[in-house]
Amino acid sequence: MAVFALFYSIWFGFAWGIIGWIIFGVTVFCAIVMIAGSIKNMRHARRFPGYPTERGRKIGKSMGVLMGITYIAIFTVAAILGISGNDKFIMSAIALIIGVHFIPIGKIIDVKANYYVAPLPILSGTIRLYFGLQTDLPWTALYAISGTGGAAATMIYGFYMNDQYKKVASIFGIPY
C-alpha cells in the first residue's frame, strides 16, 4: 500500500508546487511508517507456524484471479488510452479501476473497511474525468486530482491492515 500511495501522490508536487511537495513529503513519511509497521508485523508473524486452511486457499485463489483481472484491465486501458492519444485519462482510469477492485476484495477477505475506502479513488477518478473533459488543465494537475483518492485510500487501508494485525494477535493472546 505504501508504494501505491507514493505512486498516486508524486503528482501532487508536479501539479501544485511547494504545497504539493509538502503533501508528498507527508505521504513519504506515512509510507515509511507503514512499511516499518508491515516489516514488524511480518517479523512477528514468522515466529509462528502457519497452518493452511481451505478458506485461506480459497481466498488466495480468489485474490489471484481478482489481481489478474485488475492489472490486465489497468494495462489494457492504459495502452488503449496512450495509443489513442488520450494519455491524460490514464490516471483517472487507474483510480477508477483500483477503487472498484477494493469492493470485491472486501467480499473475498470479509473486511468492511474496503467498502469505506473504495469510494475515495472512485470519486477522485470521476472528478478528474470531469475536469479532463471540461477543462484544459495540464495532465499533471489531472493526475494529481486522480491521485488524491488513491493516495488517501491506500494510506488508510495500509495503516488499517497494520493495526488489524496487532488486534488479531491480541485476540489470540499472542504477545506483540
Protein backbone atom coordinates (compact mmCIF):
# COMPACT_ATOMS: atom_id res chain seq x y z
CA MET A 1 0.00 0.00 0.00
CA ALA A 2 2.87 2.37 0.75
CA VAL A 3 4.26 2.09 -2.78
CA PHE A 4 0.84 2.72 -4.28
CA ALA A 5 0.37 5.78 -2.05
CA LEU A 6 3.66 7.17 -3.35
CA PHE A 7 2.68 6.43 -6.95
CA TYR A 8 -0.58 8.33 -6.50
CA SER A 9 0.91 11.25 -4.59
CA ILE A 10 4.08 12.00 -6.58
CA TRP A 11 1.92 14.04 -8.97
CA PHE A 12 0.99 16.49 -6.21
CA GLY A 13 4.38 18.20 -6.37
CA PHE A 14 4.42 18.49 -10.14
CA ALA A 15 0.90 19.91 -10.17
CA TRP A 16 0.75 22.07 -7.05
CA GLY A 17 4.33 23.21 -6.49
CA ILE A 18 5.67 23.60 -2.96
CA ILE A 19 2.33 22.72 -1.30
CA GLY A 20 2.17 19.58 -3.40
CA TRP A 21 5.74 18.63 -2.50
CA ILE A 22 4.96 19.16 1.19
CA ILE A 23 1.93 16.88 0.90
CA PHE A 24 4.08 14.37 -0.99
CA GLY A 25 6.66 14.61 1.82
CA VAL A 26 3.96 13.80 4.37
CA THR A 27 2.97 10.85 2.20
CA VAL A 28 6.59 9.67 2.10
CA PHE A 29 6.75 9.87 5.89
CA CYS A 30 3.48 7.94 6.20
CA ALA A 31 4.76 5.35 3.72
CA ILE A 32 7.92 4.85 5.79
CA VAL A 33 5.86 4.40 8.95
CA MET A 34 3.55 1.99 7.12
CA ILE A 35 6.47 -0.05 5.75
CA ALA A 36 8.14 -0.18 9.17
CA GLY A 37 4.88 -1.43 10.72
CA SER A 38 4.46 -4.02 7.99
CA ILE A 39 8.01 -5.30 8.46
CA LYS A 40 7.46 -5.51 12.21
CA ASN A 41 4.23 -7.45 11.65
CA MET A 42 5.88 -9.84 9.16
CA ARG A 43 8.78 -10.50 11.55
CA HIS A 44 6.32 -11.13 14.35
CA ALA A 45 4.23 -13.47 12.20
CA ARG A 46 7.29 -15.53 11.15
CA ARG A 47 7.75 -16.60 14.75
CA PHE A 48 4.65 -18.77 14.50
CA PRO A 49 3.91 -21.77 12.29
CA GLY A 50 1.38 -21.31 9.53
CA TYR A 51 -1.48 -23.73 9.08
CA PRO A 52 -3.04 -23.59 5.62
CA THR A 53 -6.81 -23.80 5.63
CA GLU A 54 -9.36 -24.36 2.91
CA ARG A 55 -10.66 -20.83 3.47
CA GLY A 56 -7.13 -19.46 3.11
CA ARG A 57 -6.61 -21.34 -0.14
CA LYS A 58 -9.94 -20.08 -1.45
CA ILE A 59 -9.04 -16.50 -0.51
CA GLY A 60 -5.64 -16.85 -2.18
CA LYS A 61 -7.16 -18.17 -5.38
CA SER A 62 -9.88 -15.51 -5.47
CA MET A 63 -7.37 -12.73 -4.80
CA GLY A 64 -5.09 -14.06 -7.54
CA VAL A 65 -7.94 -14.02 -10.05
CA LEU A 66 -9.03 -10.53 -8.97
CA MET A 67 -5.48 -9.13 -9.13
CA GLY A 68 -5.02 -10.67 -12.57
CA ILE A 69 -8.23 -9.09 -13.82
CA THR A 70 -7.37 -5.75 -12.18
CA TYR A 71 -3.87 -5.46 -13.62
CA ILE A 72 -4.87 -6.73 -17.06
CA ALA A 73 -7.62 -4.08 -17.07
CA ILE A 74 -5.18 -1.36 -15.97
CA PHE A 75 -2.56 -2.23 -18.59
CA THR A 76 -5.14 -2.68 -21.35
CA VAL A 77 -6.96 0.58 -20.63
CA ALA A 78 -3.66 2.46 -20.20
CA ALA A 79 -2.40 1.10 -23.54
CA ILE A 80 -5.63 1.99 -25.34
CA LEU A 81 -5.67 5.49 -23.85
CA GLY A 82 -2.00 6.02 -24.63
CA ILE A 83 -2.21 4.75 -28.20
CA SER A 84 -5.33 6.79 -28.88
CA GLY A 85 -3.67 10.00 -27.64
CA ASN A 86 -5.81 10.21 -24.52
CA ASP A 87 -2.99 9.60 -22.06
CA LYS A 88 -4.23 12.41 -19.80
CA PHE A 89 -7.03 9.99 -18.80
CA ILE A 90 -4.74 7.11 -17.74
CA MET A 91 -4.53 8.06 -14.05
CA SER A 92 -8.27 8.58 -13.89
CA ALA A 93 -8.80 5.10 -15.31
CA ILE A 94 -6.32 3.61 -12.85
CA ALA A 95 -8.03 5.33 -9.91
CA LEU A 96 -11.44 4.10 -11.04
CA ILE A 97 -10.26 0.52 -11.60
CA ILE A 98 -8.43 0.39 -8.26
CA GLY A 99 -11.40 1.92 -6.45
CA VAL A 100 -13.75 -0.65 -7.95
CA HIS A 101 -11.37 -3.53 -7.14
CA PHE A 102 -11.49 -2.65 -3.42
CA ILE A 103 -15.14 -3.73 -3.40
CA PRO A 104 -14.72 -7.42 -4.30
CA ILE A 105 -11.65 -7.58 -2.04
CA GLY A 106 -13.95 -6.63 0.85
CA LYS A 107 -16.18 -9.57 -0.02
CA ILE A 108 -13.30 -12.01 -0.58
CA ILE A 109 -11.49 -11.32 2.69
CA ASP A 110 -14.57 -10.17 4.62
CA VAL A 111 -13.16 -6.75 5.55
CA LYS A 112 -15.72 -3.95 5.70
CA ALA A 113 -13.01 -1.26 5.57
CA ASN A 114 -12.73 -1.92 1.85
CA TYR A 115 -16.22 -0.58 1.33
CA TYR A 116 -15.26 2.66 3.07
CA VAL A 117 -12.04 3.29 1.14
CA ALA A 118 -13.33 2.21 -2.29
CA PRO A 119 -15.29 5.43 -2.88
CA LEU A 120 -12.19 7.62 -2.43
CA PRO A 121 -10.36 6.67 -5.65
CA ILE A 122 -13.68 6.20 -7.47
CA LEU A 123 -14.72 9.74 -6.55
CA SER A 124 -11.34 11.34 -7.33
CA GLY A 125 -11.13 9.44 -10.62
CA THR A 126 -14.63 10.57 -11.56
CA ILE A 127 -13.97 14.21 -10.60
CA ARG A 128 -10.75 14.12 -12.57
CA LEU A 129 -12.55 12.60 -15.56
CA TYR A 130 -14.98 15.50 -15.44
CA PHE A 131 -12.15 18.06 -15.29
CA GLY A 132 -10.32 16.25 -18.07
CA LEU A 133 -13.34 16.51 -20.34
CA GLN A 134 -14.48 20.01 -19.33
CA THR A 135 -11.27 21.99 -18.80
CA ASP A 136 -7.83 22.42 -20.27
CA LEU A 137 -5.96 21.67 -17.04
CA PRO A 138 -2.49 20.23 -17.63
CA TRP A 139 -2.11 16.48 -17.34
CA THR A 140 -0.06 16.85 -14.13
CA ALA A 141 -2.97 18.57 -12.40
CA LEU A 142 -5.36 15.93 -13.69
CA TYR A 143 -3.09 13.15 -12.43
CA ALA A 144 -2.85 14.88 -9.05
CA ILE A 145 -6.63 15.11 -8.79
CA SER A 146 -6.96 11.41 -9.57
CA GLY A 147 -4.17 10.60 -7.16
CA THR A 148 -5.80 12.21 -4.14
CA GLY A 149 -8.36 9.46 -3.68
CA GLY A 150 -5.90 6.69 -4.49
CA ALA A 151 -3.30 8.04 -2.06
CA ALA A 152 -5.86 8.51 0.69
CA ALA A 153 -7.38 5.06 0.17
CA THR A 154 -4.07 3.22 0.10
CA MET A 155 -2.70 5.03 3.15
CA ILE A 156 -5.87 4.49 5.16
CA TYR A 157 -6.01 0.84 4.14
CA GLY A 158 -2.31 0.22 4.80
CA PHE A 159 -2.48 1.67 8.30
CA TYR A 160 -5.75 -0.18 8.93
CA MET A 161 -4.25 -3.55 7.94
CA ASN A 162 -1.19 -2.97 10.13
CA ASP A 163 -3.47 -2.15 13.05
CA GLN A 164 -5.68 -5.17 12.37
CA TYR A 165 -2.68 -7.49 12.63
CA LYS A 166 -2.00 -6.21 16.15
CA LYS A 167 -5.66 -6.65 17.09
CA VAL A 168 -5.75 -10.23 15.79
CA ALA A 169 -2.58 -11.05 17.74
CA SER A 170 -4.22 -9.63 20.85
CA ILE A 171 -7.44 -11.58 20.30
CA PHE A 172 -5.45 -14.80 20.19
CA GLY A 173 -3.41 -13.83 23.26
CA ILE A 174 -0.17 -13.57 21.30
CA PRO A 175 2.24 -11.04 22.82
CA TYR A 176 3.17 -8.36 20.31
